[in-house]
């Protein structure tokens, strides 16, 4: 049973976008790894930008600087 965990920042991904991610990943696993889509689990974790860091700073800080 494949378990796929997708982590994104909580910056407004819509329910439709998340559904598309789940459907897309589930569809590709049989094509690439031969896995059964009926037993594939996909979890999307949305992380606050204060809790996600790149290059020694948070995403929140990067956004405040315009990056």
C-alpha atoms as a PDB file:
ATOM      1  CA  UNK A   1       0.000   0.000   0.000  1.00  0.00           C
ATOM      2  CA  UNK A   2       1.749   3.192  -1.151  1.00  0.00           C
ATOM      3  CA  UNK A   3       1.669   6.171   1.178  1.00  0.00           C
ATOM      4  CA  UNK A   4       2.479   9.545  -0.371  1.00  0.00           C
ATOM      5  CA  UNK A   5       2.908  12.628   1.812  1.00  0.00           C
ATOM      6  CA  UNK A   6       2.831  16.019   0.094  1.00  0.00           C
ATOM      7  CA  UNK A   7       3.861  19.053   2.125  1.00  0.00           C
ATOM      8  CA  UNK A   8       2.910  22.544   0.983  1.00  0.00           C
ATOM      9  CA  UNK A   9       2.765  25.909   2.673  1.00  0.00           C
ATOM     10  CA  UNK A  10      -0.695  27.026   3.741  1.00  0.00           C
ATOM     11  CA  UNK A  11      -0.914  29.818   1.208  1.00  0.00           C
ATOM     12  CA  UNK A  12      -4.299  29.204  -0.303  1.00  0.00           C
ATOM     13  CA  UNK A  13      -4.266  25.962  -2.260  1.00  0.00           C
ATOM     14  CA  UNK A  14      -7.891  25.350  -3.121  1.00  0.00           C
ATOM     15  CA  UNK A  15      -9.813  22.154  -2.481  1.00  0.00           C
ATOM     16  CA  UNK A  16      -9.873  21.621  -6.254  1.00  0.00           C
ATOM     17  CA  UNK A  17      -6.085  21.964  -6.511  1.00  0.00           C
ATOM     18  CA  UNK A  18      -5.601  19.480  -3.688  1.00  0.00           C
ATOM     19  CA  UNK A  19      -8.012  17.068  -5.354  1.00  0.00           C
ATOM     20  CA  UNK A  20      -6.000  17.375  -8.563  1.00  0.00           C
ATOM     21  CA  UNK A  21      -2.784  16.604  -6.656  1.00  0.00           C
ATOM     22  CA  UNK A  22      -4.320  13.509  -5.072  1.00  0.00           C
ATOM     23  CA  UNK A  23      -5.748  12.302  -8.379  1.00  0.00           C
ATOM     24  CA  UNK A  24      -2.519  12.995 -10.264  1.00  0.00           C
ATOM     25  CA  UNK A  25      -0.250  11.198  -7.812  1.00  0.00           C
ATOM     26  CA  UNK A  26      -2.628   8.269  -7.533  1.00  0.00           C
ATOM     27  CA  UNK A  27      -2.776   7.977 -11.324  1.00  0.00           C
ATOM     28  CA  UNK A  28       1.008   8.044 -11.812  1.00  0.00           C
ATOM     29  CA  UNK A  29       1.921   5.364  -9.259  1.00  0.00           C
ATOM     30  CA  UNK A  30       0.537   2.486 -11.355  1.00  0.00           C
ATOM     31  CA  UNK A  31       2.256   3.879 -14.463  1.00  0.00           C
ATOM     32  CA  UNK A  32       5.641   4.243 -12.793  1.00  0.00           C
ATOM     33  CA  UNK A  33       5.704   1.660  -9.967  1.00  0.00           C
ATOM     34  CA  UNK A  34       2.835  -0.678 -10.867  1.00  0.00           C
ATOM     35  CA  UNK A  35       0.955   0.181  -7.651  1.00  0.00           C
ATOM     36  CA  UNK A  36      -2.774  -0.354  -7.188  1.00  0.00           C
ATOM     37  CA  UNK A  37      -4.587   3.021  -7.082  1.00  0.00           C
ATOM     38  CA  UNK A  38      -7.277   1.505  -4.843  1.00  0.00           C
ATOM     39  CA  UNK A  39      -4.739   1.043  -2.049  1.00  0.00           C
ATOM     40  CA  UNK A  40      -2.835   4.300  -2.539  1.00  0.00           C
ATOM     41  CA  UNK A  41      -2.982   6.786   0.330  1.00  0.00           C
ATOM     42  CA  UNK A  42      -2.164  10.453  -0.342  1.00  0.00           C
ATOM     43  CA  UNK A  43      -1.901  12.953   2.509  1.00  0.00           C
ATOM     44  CA  UNK A  44      -1.431  16.687   2.010  1.00  0.00           C
ATOM     45  CA  UNK A  45       0.055  18.541   4.976  1.00  0.00           C
ATOM     46  CA  UNK A  46      -0.285  22.302   4.914  1.00  0.00           C
ATOM     47  CA  UNK A  47       2.494  23.972   6.881  1.00  0.00           C
ATOM     48  CA  UNK A  48       2.330  27.504   8.237  1.00  0.00           C
ATOM     49  CA  UNK A  49       4.909  29.732   6.558  1.00  0.00           C
ATOM     50  CA  UNK A  50       6.392  30.504   9.997  1.00  0.00           C
ATOM     51  CA  UNK A  51       7.239  26.796  10.254  1.00  0.00           C
ATOM     52  CA  UNK A  52       8.914  26.396   6.850  1.00  0.00           C
ATOM     53  CA  UNK A  53      12.447  27.623   6.338  1.00  0.00           C
ATOM     54  CA  UNK A  54      14.745  28.109   3.373  1.00  0.00           C
ATOM     55  CA  UNK A  55      18.269  29.446   3.643  1.00  0.00           C
ATOM     56  CA  UNK A  56      18.156  30.149   7.403  1.00  0.00           C
ATOM     57  CA  UNK A  57      14.878  32.087   7.297  1.00  0.00           C
ATOM     58  CA  UNK A  58      11.167  31.394   7.301  1.00  0.00           C
ATOM     59  CA  UNK A  59       8.939  31.683   4.260  1.00  0.00           C
ATOM     60  CA  UNK A  60       7.069  34.417   6.135  1.00  0.00           C
ATOM     61  CA  UNK A  61      10.286  36.469   6.342  1.00  0.00           C
ATOM     62  CA  UNK A  62      11.066  35.863   2.677  1.00  0.00           C
ATOM     63  CA  UNK A  63       7.591  37.046   1.702  1.00  0.00           C
ATOM     64  CA  UNK A  64       8.002  40.163   3.830  1.00  0.00           C
ATOM     65  CA  UNK A  65      11.176  40.920   1.877  1.00  0.00           C
ATOM     66  CA  UNK A  66       9.347  40.396  -1.397  1.00  0.00           C
ATOM     67  CA  UNK A  67      10.838  37.056  -2.363  1.00  0.00           C
END
